[in-house]
Amino acid sequence: MLRKIIFYGIILMGGFSIVSCSKDEDADSESGEVIETGTAININSASTKGTAEGSQETGADEEDLVANSSFSSTVKINFDGNSATIENSVSGVTITQSSGDVVVNCSATGVAYELSGTTTNGSIKIYSDKKFKVTLNGVSITNNDGPAINIQSGKRAFIVVADGTENKLTDAATYATSTEDQKGTIFSEGQLIFSGTGTLTISGKAKHAIASDDYIRIVEGNIIVSDAISDGLHSNDGIYIDGGKLNIVASSDGIEAEKGVVIVNGGEITLKVADDGIVASYEDGDETIIPDVIINEGKINIETTGSGGEGIESKATLSINSGEIYIKAIDDAINAGKAININGGTIVAYSTTNDGIDSNGTMTITGGHIFAIGAKSPEEGFDCDNNTFKITGGLMVGVGGATSSPTASVSTQPSAILSGGNASQIYSILNKDNKEILTFKSPVSFSTLLVSNGGFTVGESYKLVSVSSVEDANAFNGLYLSGNFSNPTVSSSFTLSAMVSNLGGSTGPGGGR
């Protein structure tokens, strides 16, 4: 009888079948045996959660909410070909223009600017002593000699993409010489804060699409970077994603903070980039700068295409607390310089030439559903060199040419290291009562498998079974969410004899001390 299942696996390039999985075979279960009952799979029934480690910082700042600021005066600027029409005179605001290039000098408080119309040879530059708001209300700006929006102010700039509008900004491939910074299609010396639910499409022909010498915050909106010669979002300090939709195509990084944190609190992020997807890149030794990456929620989809492209990278500590993350990277899918802490979320980290998840320091897993896919030997699904690798919760599957071994002395959830298998086979681990512990499908063949889940108990025996198909399957972003299977075929079996049972495969440098 078939029973309803909840199934998390992956369909990328195929599956795998285990071949010679264990040094400790169960005499009561021979390879090829068919279990004639259906199997109910529910990843949450056996998943455990340890005490969260790492950071849960959100970077919230009430001053970054446009609703908490008052703008009593509005200057309207309507572009029309090679000219612009200015409406509303405000004391303390001086506006000059040369053809379609508009320059604003402001010493007044509470001023908003509303941009509309189209120019194929224009721009807006703003100097301001006070914070201000710029509303994009159906505007299209192409500049032939510099940025489309150039903010030469260290104050907060609220960029509001008006609801229901389409807006487009394009800079020049070559900028005119200037003594001022001008690093992207939208550039600001101060904080850039985006809100509004309209659509903004940006083309970065010279360097970055959006750049700030301070920090960038995305509160909401639909921001599309159609192309960027360098980064999609680039800040000198932090980058905060609270919501909205970001779709970035870039020839370098998707989202980079040079000297600060990257925090994702929500939203949908899709990145197709030649270099790193999300990176906090500072590593020059100033201890006051902490280049962490913190993911608290959100949907993230990253593809890197260049040889050095990593999916998510922190030069310090990476903390993942929740969210849905899929990465396909040429280099490491996930990497951190000091520590990786995963406390929750559903994560598929797939590297085609390197490690799935790689910490140059420690690695701690306390929760979440994690599938880490590394390349052939010596690359690993989970890699933390010769450092502590602690597992206290979560569902983990790691495939590759090798794996770091979990550290038994600090782990509280059992794990097993098994031999590998081939692509094109769905595979499950069942307990002695034929209840599912975990199920997955690899995109590549591999020689080493690391598995861990709350359903594991030291001293118990388990079956490795192959599944021919999943009926009534519901797939979402490469993951099965539900379905049914029956009559799984036993490939082999194993017994967990210790907190970390090394039963096959290869262990590279790891925390198994």
Protein backbone atom coordinates (compact mmCIF):
# COMPACT_ATOMS: atom_id res chain seq x y z
CA MET A 1 0.00 0.00 0.00
CA LEU A 2 1.39 3.39 -0.96
CA ARG A 3 1.46 6.07 1.69
CA LYS A 4 1.88 9.80 1.48
CA ILE A 5 5.44 11.03 1.88
CA ILE A 6 7.29 14.27 2.29
CA PHE A 7 10.53 13.96 0.37
CA TYR A 8 13.48 16.32 0.10
CA GLY A 9 15.96 15.35 -2.56
CA ILE A 10 17.36 16.96 -5.65
CA ILE A 11 16.92 16.57 -9.36
CA LEU A 12 19.79 18.28 -11.13
CA MET A 13 21.55 15.97 -13.54
CA GLY A 14 20.30 12.61 -12.30
CA GLY A 15 20.61 10.48 -9.19
CA PHE A 16 22.97 7.90 -7.75
CA SER A 17 23.08 4.30 -6.63
CA ILE A 18 25.16 3.11 -3.72
CA VAL A 19 27.74 0.47 -4.57
CA SER A 20 29.46 -1.25 -1.64
CA CYS A 21 28.17 1.04 1.07
CA SER A 22 29.35 -0.45 4.29
CA LYS A 23 32.09 -2.38 6.02
CA ASP A 24 29.52 -3.55 8.57
CA GLU A 25 26.84 -5.52 6.72
CA ASP A 26 23.65 -6.72 8.43
CA ALA A 27 23.46 -10.50 7.99
CA ASP A 28 19.65 -10.37 7.98
CA SER A 29 19.49 -8.09 4.96
CA GLU A 30 21.13 -9.09 1.71
CA SER A 31 21.70 -6.83 -1.25
CA GLY A 32 18.83 -6.99 -3.71
CA GLU A 33 16.10 -7.76 -1.15
CA VAL A 34 12.82 -5.99 -1.92
CA ILE A 35 10.85 -4.50 0.96
CA GLU A 36 7.25 -5.07 -0.06
CA THR A 37 5.64 -2.27 1.91
CA GLY A 38 5.30 1.38 1.08
CA THR A 39 7.54 3.78 2.97
CA ALA A 40 6.34 7.05 4.48
CA ILE A 41 9.02 9.73 4.37
CA ASN A 42 8.79 12.84 6.52
CA ILE A 43 11.99 14.76 7.04
CA ASN A 44 10.51 16.67 9.96
CA SER A 45 9.50 13.58 11.95
CA ALA A 46 13.09 12.64 12.75
CA SER A 47 14.83 16.02 12.38
CA THR A 48 16.25 17.46 15.56
CA LYS A 49 17.45 20.94 16.38
CA GLY A 50 20.32 21.83 18.64
CA THR A 51 21.08 25.18 20.26
CA ALA A 52 21.71 27.76 17.55
CA GLU A 53 25.24 29.07 17.16
CA GLY A 54 26.66 32.01 15.24
CA SER A 55 24.80 35.27 14.68
CA GLN A 56 21.11 36.07 14.30
CA GLU A 57 21.76 39.79 13.78
CA THR A 58 19.26 41.47 11.45
CA GLY A 59 20.88 44.88 11.07
CA ALA A 60 17.50 46.54 11.57
CA ASP A 61 17.49 50.34 11.78
CA GLU A 62 14.28 52.34 12.22
CA GLU A 63 15.94 55.29 10.49
CA ASP A 64 16.06 53.25 7.28
CA LEU A 65 12.27 53.13 6.99
CA VAL A 66 11.09 55.88 4.65
CA ALA A 67 7.80 56.08 6.58
CA ASN A 68 9.75 57.29 9.60
CA SER A 69 11.00 60.36 7.72
CA SER A 70 9.02 63.40 6.65
CA PHE A 71 9.38 65.04 3.23
CA SER A 72 7.25 68.17 3.03
CA SER A 73 8.44 69.54 -0.32
CA THR A 74 8.49 67.78 -3.70
CA VAL A 75 10.43 68.84 -6.79
CA LYS A 76 9.24 67.17 -10.00
CA ILE A 77 11.74 66.52 -12.78
CA ASN A 78 10.37 65.25 -16.09
CA PHE A 79 12.89 64.17 -18.71
CA ASP A 80 11.99 64.63 -22.36
CA GLY A 81 14.64 63.69 -24.90
CA ASN A 82 17.67 65.95 -24.39
CA SER A 83 16.01 68.26 -21.90
CA ALA A 84 14.11 68.23 -18.59
CA THR A 85 11.24 70.21 -17.15
CA ILE A 86 11.43 71.26 -13.50
CA GLU A 87 8.28 71.85 -11.45
CA ASN A 88 7.99 73.40 -7.98
CA SER A 89 10.49 75.84 -6.57
CA VAL A 90 11.75 75.02 -3.06
CA SER A 91 13.74 77.39 -0.88
CA GLY A 92 17.23 76.03 -0.38
CA VAL A 93 17.15 73.97 -3.58
CA THR A 94 19.03 75.13 -6.68
CA ILE A 95 18.71 73.18 -9.92
CA THR A 96 20.75 73.66 -13.06
CA GLN A 97 20.63 71.72 -16.27
CA SER A 98 22.63 71.27 -19.44
CA SER A 99 20.57 69.45 -22.03
CA GLY A 100 19.34 66.35 -20.21
CA ASP A 101 21.87 66.53 -17.35
CA VAL A 102 20.24 67.87 -14.18
CA VAL A 103 22.28 68.97 -11.13
CA VAL A 104 20.61 69.56 -7.75
CA ASN A 105 22.20 71.49 -4.86
CA CYS A 106 20.16 71.31 -1.66
CA SER A 107 20.60 72.71 1.84
CA ALA A 108 16.94 72.34 2.81
CA THR A 109 15.35 69.70 5.04
CA GLY A 110 12.59 67.31 3.97
CA VAL A 111 12.92 67.52 0.19
CA ALA A 112 11.71 64.82 -2.19
CA TYR A 113 12.44 64.53 -5.91
CA GLU A 114 10.10 62.80 -8.34
CA LEU A 115 11.63 61.61 -11.63
CA SER A 116 9.59 60.76 -14.72
CA GLY A 117 9.92 60.78 -18.49
CA THR A 118 12.66 59.54 -20.81
CA THR A 119 16.12 60.73 -21.80
CA THR A 120 18.68 58.99 -23.98
CA ASN A 121 21.40 61.44 -23.06
CA GLY A 122 20.81 62.70 -19.55
CA SER A 123 21.41 62.17 -15.83
CA ILE A 124 20.67 63.52 -12.39
CA LYS A 125 23.34 64.49 -9.85
CA ILE A 126 22.39 65.46 -6.29
CA TYR A 127 24.37 67.38 -3.67
CA SER A 128 22.55 67.59 -0.33
CA ASP A 129 23.30 68.50 3.27
CA LYS A 130 20.21 66.60 4.45
CA LYS A 131 18.65 63.21 3.82
CA PHE A 132 16.22 63.15 0.90
CA LYS A 133 13.89 60.97 -1.15
CA VAL A 134 13.99 60.18 -4.87
CA THR A 135 10.84 58.64 -6.32
CA LEU A 136 11.22 56.84 -9.64
CA ASN A 137 7.82 57.35 -11.25
CA GLY A 138 8.10 55.77 -14.69
CA VAL A 139 11.50 57.19 -15.62
CA SER A 140 14.04 55.98 -18.17
CA ILE A 141 17.51 57.53 -18.04
CA THR A 142 20.45 56.66 -20.28
CA ASN A 143 23.64 58.65 -19.74
CA ASN A 144 26.34 58.77 -22.41
CA ASP A 145 29.20 59.96 -20.20
CA GLY A 146 28.59 58.82 -16.61
CA PRO A 147 26.14 57.42 -14.05
CA ALA A 148 22.40 57.75 -14.54
CA ILE A 149 21.90 58.76 -10.88
CA ASN A 150 24.96 60.25 -9.16
CA ILE A 151 24.49 61.17 -5.47
CA GLN A 152 27.37 63.24 -4.13
CA SER A 153 25.99 63.31 -0.60
CA GLY A 154 26.88 61.36 2.52
CA LYS A 155 23.29 61.52 3.79
CA ARG A 156 20.56 58.89 3.49
CA ALA A 157 19.07 58.66 0.03
CA PHE A 158 15.69 56.93 -0.05
CA ILE A 159 15.10 55.54 -3.55
CA VAL A 160 11.39 54.78 -3.88
CA VAL A 161 10.30 52.80 -6.95
CA ALA A 162 6.72 53.95 -7.34
CA ASP A 163 4.08 51.24 -7.17
CA GLY A 164 2.97 49.94 -10.55
CA THR A 165 5.71 51.72 -12.53
CA GLU A 166 8.47 50.51 -14.86
CA ASN A 167 11.79 52.33 -14.59
CA LYS A 168 15.09 51.90 -16.41
CA LEU A 169 18.58 53.27 -15.75
CA THR A 170 21.67 52.83 -17.95
CA ASP A 171 25.10 54.39 -17.55
CA ALA A 172 27.84 55.03 -20.11
CA ALA A 173 30.44 52.44 -21.04
CA THR A 174 33.10 55.13 -20.52
CA TYR A 175 32.77 57.96 -17.99
CA ALA A 176 33.97 61.50 -18.45
CA THR A 177 36.96 62.36 -16.27
CA SER A 178 35.95 63.59 -12.81
CA THR A 179 37.55 64.19 -9.42
CA GLU A 180 34.41 62.76 -7.81
CA ASP A 181 33.67 59.09 -7.18
CA GLN A 182 31.29 57.64 -9.74
CA LYS A 183 31.27 53.86 -9.49
CA GLY A 184 28.04 52.68 -11.06
CA THR A 185 24.75 53.35 -12.77
CA ILE A 186 23.35 54.40 -9.39
CA PHE A 187 26.10 55.72 -7.13
CA SER A 188 25.96 57.36 -3.71
CA GLU A 189 28.52 58.57 -1.22
CA GLY A 190 25.98 57.84 1.53
CA GLN A 191 23.41 55.17 2.38
CA LEU A 192 21.19 53.92 -0.43
CA ILE A 193 17.82 52.61 0.74
CA PHE A 194 15.38 51.11 -1.77
CA SER A 195 11.64 50.70 -1.26
CA GLY A 196 8.41 50.78 -3.25
CA THR A 197 6.88 47.90 -5.18
CA GLY A 198 7.50 49.07 -8.74
CA THR A 199 10.11 47.62 -11.12
CA LEU A 200 13.59 49.05 -11.65
CA THR A 201 15.82 47.66 -14.42
CA ILE A 202 19.48 48.65 -14.35
CA SER A 203 22.25 48.15 -16.89
CA GLY A 204 25.81 48.71 -15.66
CA LYS A 205 27.96 49.35 -18.72
CA ALA A 206 31.06 50.73 -16.98
CA LYS A 207 31.30 49.09 -13.54
CA HIS A 208 28.68 48.30 -10.86
CA ALA A 209 24.92 48.56 -11.29
CA ILE A 210 24.27 49.92 -7.76
CA ALA A 211 27.14 51.20 -5.63
CA SER A 212 27.51 53.02 -2.33
CA ASP A 213 30.51 54.22 -0.37
CA ASP A 214 28.37 53.59 2.73
CA TYR A 215 25.75 50.81 2.90
CA ILE A 216 22.87 49.57 0.76
CA ARG A 217 19.52 48.35 2.04
CA ILE A 218 16.76 46.75 -0.04
CA VAL A 219 13.48 47.03 1.88
CA GLU A 220 11.21 46.04 -1.02
CA GLY A 221 10.80 46.39 -4.75
CA ASN A 222 11.54 44.48 -7.93
CA ILE A 223 15.12 45.27 -8.93
CA ILE A 224 16.53 43.72 -12.09
CA VAL A 225 20.19 44.08 -13.01
CA SER A 226 20.10 43.00 -16.64
CA ASP A 227 23.87 43.26 -16.96
CA ALA A 228 26.77 44.68 -14.99
CA ILE A 229 30.39 44.81 -16.11
CA SER A 230 31.40 44.41 -12.46
CA ASP A 231 29.07 43.84 -9.46
CA GLY A 232 25.29 43.97 -9.23
CA LEU A 233 25.26 45.51 -5.73
CA HIS A 234 28.52 46.84 -4.31
CA SER A 235 29.03 48.70 -1.04
CA ASN A 236 32.01 49.94 0.89
CA ASP A 237 30.24 48.94 4.10
CA GLY A 238 27.26 46.60 4.61
CA ILE A 239 24.46 45.29 2.42
CA TYR A 240 21.05 44.43 3.93
CA ILE A 241 18.27 42.63 2.04
CA ASP A 242 14.98 42.80 3.95
CA GLY A 243 12.55 41.93 1.17
CA GLY A 244 11.63 42.47 -2.45
CA LYS A 245 12.96 40.66 -5.50
CA LEU A 246 16.52 40.91 -6.80
CA ASN A 247 17.45 39.40 -10.14
CA ILE A 248 21.08 40.06 -11.05
CA VAL A 249 23.26 39.13 -14.02
CA ALA A 250 26.83 40.33 -13.47
CA SER A 251 30.31 39.80 -14.89
CA SER A 252 31.82 39.86 -11.40
CA ASP A 253 30.03 39.50 -8.04
CA GLY A 254 26.30 39.55 -7.53
CA ILE A 255 26.28 41.20 -4.09
CA GLU A 256 29.53 42.38 -2.47
CA ALA A 257 30.25 44.26 0.76
CA GLU A 258 33.88 45.36 0.71
CA LYS A 259 34.28 46.19 4.39
CA GLY A 260 31.17 45.05 6.20
CA VAL A 261 28.44 42.47 6.63
CA VAL A 262 25.89 41.06 4.24
CA ILE A 263 22.57 40.25 5.96
CA VAL A 264 19.60 38.67 4.21
CA ASN A 265 16.36 38.90 6.21
CA GLY A 266 13.95 38.00 3.41
CA GLY A 267 13.05 38.51 -0.20
CA GLU A 268 13.83 36.54 -3.33
CA ILE A 269 17.36 36.71 -4.74
CA THR A 270 18.36 35.23 -8.09
CA LEU A 271 21.97 35.63 -9.17
CA LYS A 272 23.79 34.52 -12.33
CA VAL A 273 27.33 35.79 -12.01
CA ALA A 274 30.86 35.11 -13.22
CA ASP A 275 32.48 35.51 -9.80
CA ASP A 276 30.97 35.22 -6.29
CA GLY A 277 27.23 35.27 -5.73
CA ILE A 278 27.09 36.86 -2.25
CA VAL A 279 30.36 37.89 -0.59
CA ALA A 280 31.63 39.85 2.41
CA SER A 281 35.12 40.22 1.04
CA TYR A 282 37.28 42.13 3.53
CA GLU A 283 40.42 40.28 4.71
CA ASP A 284 43.11 42.92 5.26
CA GLY A 285 43.41 42.57 9.03
CA ASP A 286 41.51 45.53 10.53
CA GLU A 287 39.82 43.82 13.49
CA THR A 288 37.14 46.51 13.69
CA ILE A 289 35.77 45.28 10.35
CA ILE A 290 33.81 42.01 10.62
CA PRO A 291 32.92 40.66 7.16
CA ASP A 292 30.20 38.21 8.21
CA VAL A 293 27.38 36.86 6.06
CA ILE A 294 24.11 36.21 7.91
CA ILE A 295 21.05 34.66 6.29
CA ASN A 296 17.94 34.79 8.46
CA GLU A 297 15.26 34.09 5.83
CA GLY A 298 14.50 34.42 2.13
CA LYS A 299 14.75 32.47 -1.11
CA ILE A 300 18.17 32.47 -2.75
CA ASN A 301 19.14 30.96 -6.09
CA ILE A 302 22.75 31.36 -7.24
CA GLU A 303 24.63 30.18 -10.30
CA THR A 304 28.30 31.06 -10.83
CA THR A 305 29.91 30.67 -14.23
CA GLY A 306 33.55 31.73 -13.72
CA SER A 307 36.37 29.47 -12.53
CA GLY A 308 36.76 31.36 -9.23
CA GLY A 309 33.08 31.84 -8.55
CA GLU A 310 31.85 30.81 -5.11
CA GLY A 311 28.16 30.84 -4.27
CA ILE A 312 28.15 32.45 -0.81
CA GLU A 313 31.42 33.54 0.79
CA SER A 314 32.29 35.22 4.07
CA LYS A 315 35.87 36.09 4.89
CA ALA A 316 34.85 35.74 8.56
CA THR A 317 31.77 33.82 9.80
CA LEU A 318 28.78 32.59 7.84
CA SER A 319 25.52 31.95 9.73
CA ILE A 320 22.44 30.46 8.06
CA ASN A 321 19.39 30.49 10.32
CA SER A 322 16.57 29.84 7.87
CA GLY A 323 15.57 30.28 4.25
CA GLU A 324 15.61 28.29 1.04
CA ILE A 325 18.97 28.28 -0.71
CA TYR A 326 20.04 26.63 -3.95
CA ILE A 327 23.56 27.14 -5.27
CA LYS A 328 25.33 25.72 -8.29
CA ALA A 329 28.89 27.03 -8.30
CA ILE A 330 32.10 26.39 -10.17
CA ASP A 331 34.19 26.89 -7.02
CA ASP A 332 32.96 26.23 -3.45
CA ALA A 333 29.21 26.58 -3.23
CA ILE A 334 29.48 27.89 0.37
CA ASN A 335 32.73 29.10 1.94
CA ALA A 336 33.84 30.96 5.08
CA GLY A 337 37.22 32.00 6.39
CA LYS A 338 36.62 31.42 10.11
CA ALA A 339 33.41 29.48 10.76
CA ILE A 340 30.19 28.19 9.25
CA ASN A 341 27.09 27.83 11.45
CA ILE A 342 23.91 26.34 10.00
CA ASN A 343 20.91 26.47 12.31
CA GLY A 344 18.04 26.01 9.86
CA GLY A 345 16.82 26.35 6.31
CA THR A 346 16.70 24.10 3.28
CA ILE A 347 20.05 24.22 1.50
CA VAL A 348 21.42 22.61 -1.64
CA ALA A 349 25.08 23.57 -2.13
CA TYR A 350 26.47 22.07 -5.34
CA SER A 351 30.00 22.67 -6.60
CA THR A 352 31.04 21.29 -9.95
CA THR A 353 34.82 21.49 -9.33
CA ASN A 354 35.37 22.05 -5.59
CA ASP A 355 33.68 21.59 -2.19
CA GLY A 356 29.97 21.84 -1.53
CA ILE A 357 30.35 23.52 1.90
CA ASP A 358 33.85 24.57 2.94
CA SER A 359 34.94 26.26 6.17
CA ASN A 360 38.56 27.26 6.59
CA GLY A 361 37.82 27.20 10.31
CA THR A 362 35.11 25.39 12.27
CA MET A 363 31.76 24.06 11.09
CA THR A 364 28.66 23.64 13.27
CA ILE A 365 25.33 22.15 12.17
CA THR A 366 22.45 22.53 14.65
CA GLY A 367 19.47 22.27 12.29
CA GLY A 368 18.19 22.57 8.76
CA HIS A 369 17.95 20.29 5.74
CA ILE A 370 21.29 20.32 3.96
CA PHE A 371 22.53 18.64 0.79
CA ALA A 372 26.20 19.42 0.06
CA ILE A 373 27.59 18.19 -3.25
CA GLY A 374 31.31 18.26 -3.94
CA ALA A 375 33.37 17.22 -6.94
CA LYS A 376 35.57 14.15 -7.29
CA SER A 377 38.50 13.38 -4.98
CA PRO A 378 39.95 15.22 -3.18
CA GLU A 379 36.98 17.61 -3.12
CA GLU A 380 34.34 17.13 -0.44
CA GLY A 381 30.68 17.60 0.31
CA PHE A 382 31.53 18.98 3.78
CA ASP A 383 35.07 20.31 4.32
CA CYS A 384 36.43 22.04 7.43
CA ASP A 385 40.15 21.20 7.21
CA ASN A 386 41.58 20.03 10.56
CA ASN A 387 39.09 21.97 12.66
CA THR A 388 36.11 21.16 14.86
CA PHE A 389 33.10 19.83 12.93
CA LYS A 390 30.15 19.68 15.33
CA ILE A 391 26.72 18.19 14.59
CA THR A 392 23.90 18.66 17.11
CA GLY A 393 20.87 18.60 14.80
CA GLY A 394 19.60 18.83 11.26
CA LEU A 395 19.34 16.53 8.28
CA MET A 396 22.64 16.27 6.41
CA VAL A 397 23.67 14.60 3.18
CA GLY A 398 27.16 15.20 1.79
CA VAL A 399 28.52 13.60 -1.37
CA GLY A 400 31.88 14.00 -3.06
CA GLY A 401 35.32 12.49 -3.42
CA ALA A 402 35.83 12.68 0.36
CA THR A 403 34.45 14.30 3.50
CA SER A 404 35.70 15.90 6.67
CA SER A 405 34.87 13.68 9.60
CA PRO A 406 32.55 15.10 12.28
CA THR A 407 34.11 15.61 15.71
CA ALA A 408 32.66 12.88 17.90
CA SER A 409 33.63 14.46 21.22
CA VAL A 410 31.41 17.55 20.70
CA SER A 411 28.66 16.13 18.47
CA THR A 412 25.35 14.96 19.94
CA GLN A 413 23.74 13.63 16.76
CA PRO A 414 25.18 10.45 15.16
CA SER A 415 26.56 10.42 11.64
CA ALA A 416 27.87 7.82 9.23
CA ILE A 417 30.52 7.95 6.52
CA LEU A 418 29.76 5.46 3.74
CA SER A 419 31.07 4.45 0.34
CA GLY A 420 29.87 6.09 -2.83
CA GLY A 421 27.71 5.44 -5.82
CA ASN A 422 26.63 6.50 -9.27
CA ALA A 423 24.28 9.08 -10.65
CA SER A 424 20.72 8.27 -11.73
CA GLN A 425 19.45 6.56 -8.60
CA ILE A 426 17.15 7.79 -5.82
CA TYR A 427 18.38 6.43 -2.52
CA SER A 428 16.96 6.16 1.03
CA ILE A 429 18.15 5.08 4.44
CA LEU A 430 15.57 3.13 6.47
CA ASN A 431 15.71 2.03 10.09
CA LYS A 432 15.05 -1.50 11.37
CA ASP A 433 11.29 -0.86 11.20
CA ASN A 434 11.60 0.27 7.56
CA LYS A 435 10.88 3.89 8.49
CA GLU A 436 12.71 6.47 6.40
CA ILE A 437 15.61 8.46 7.88
CA LEU A 438 16.57 10.46 4.79
CA THR A 439 16.18 10.30 1.01
CA PHE A 440 18.08 12.05 -1.76
CA LYS A 441 19.29 12.00 -5.33
CA SER A 442 22.73 13.18 -6.40
CA PRO A 443 23.50 15.00 -9.66
CA VAL A 444 26.88 13.25 -9.94
CA SER A 445 28.65 10.02 -9.14
CA PHE A 446 30.67 10.11 -5.92
CA SER A 447 32.95 7.96 -3.82
CA THR A 448 32.06 9.17 -0.31
CA LEU A 449 28.77 9.83 1.48
CA LEU A 450 28.28 11.59 4.83
CA VAL A 451 24.81 11.34 6.39
CA SER A 452 23.34 12.48 9.69
CA ASN A 453 19.83 12.95 11.08
CA GLY A 454 17.94 12.91 14.35
CA GLY A 455 16.55 9.49 13.43
CA PHE A 456 19.98 7.91 13.89
CA THR A 457 20.70 6.05 17.14
CA VAL A 458 24.06 4.61 18.13
CA GLY A 459 23.87 0.82 18.22
CA GLU A 460 21.00 0.57 15.71
CA SER A 461 21.15 -0.96 12.20
CA TYR A 462 19.95 0.70 9.00
CA LYS A 463 19.27 -0.28 5.39
CA LEU A 464 20.49 1.51 2.31
CA VAL A 465 17.73 1.12 -0.26
CA SER A 466 17.29 2.20 -3.85
CA VAL A 467 13.99 3.58 -5.10
CA SER A 468 12.99 3.26 -8.73
CA SER A 469 10.61 6.21 -8.85
CA VAL A 470 8.51 8.62 -6.83
CA GLU A 471 4.85 8.77 -7.80
CA ASP A 472 2.70 11.89 -7.50
CA ALA A 473 5.90 13.84 -6.87
CA ASN A 474 5.76 17.58 -6.26
CA ALA A 475 9.11 19.14 -7.19
CA PHE A 476 10.05 22.69 -6.25
CA ASN A 477 13.34 24.27 -7.31
CA GLY A 478 14.95 20.86 -7.67
CA LEU A 479 13.59 19.47 -4.40
CA TYR A 480 10.84 16.87 -3.98
CA LEU A 481 8.21 18.18 -1.60
CA SER A 482 5.86 15.19 -1.64
CA GLY A 483 5.17 11.92 -3.39
CA ASN A 484 4.83 8.18 -2.91
CA PHE A 485 7.11 5.21 -3.36
CA SER A 486 6.93 1.47 -2.63
CA ASN A 487 9.02 -1.70 -2.91
CA PRO A 488 12.46 -0.17 -2.27
CA THR A 489 15.38 -2.52 -3.03
CA VAL A 490 17.99 -3.05 -0.31
CA SER A 491 21.53 -2.35 -1.52
CA SER A 492 23.23 -3.11 1.80
CA SER A 493 22.99 -2.32 5.49
CA PHE A 494 25.13 -0.90 8.27
CA THR A 495 25.21 -0.43 12.02
CA LEU A 496 26.05 2.81 13.81
CA SER A 497 28.66 1.68 16.32
CA ALA A 498 29.67 5.16 17.55
CA MET A 499 28.74 8.84 17.40
CA VAL A 500 30.72 8.95 14.14
CA SER A 501 30.74 5.62 12.29
CA ASN A 502 33.36 5.51 9.55
CA LEU A 503 32.13 2.65 7.36
CA GLY A 504 33.57 3.51 3.95
CA GLY A 505 34.57 6.26 1.57
CA SER A 506 37.44 8.67 2.18
CA THR A 507 38.02 11.21 4.92
CA GLY A 508 40.01 14.29 4.09
CA PRO A 509 41.24 16.85 6.62
CA GLY A 510 38.43 17.27 9.14
CA GLY A 511 37.35 17.58 12.71
CA GLY A 512 37.33 13.90 13.66
CA ARG A 513 39.61 14.15 16.67
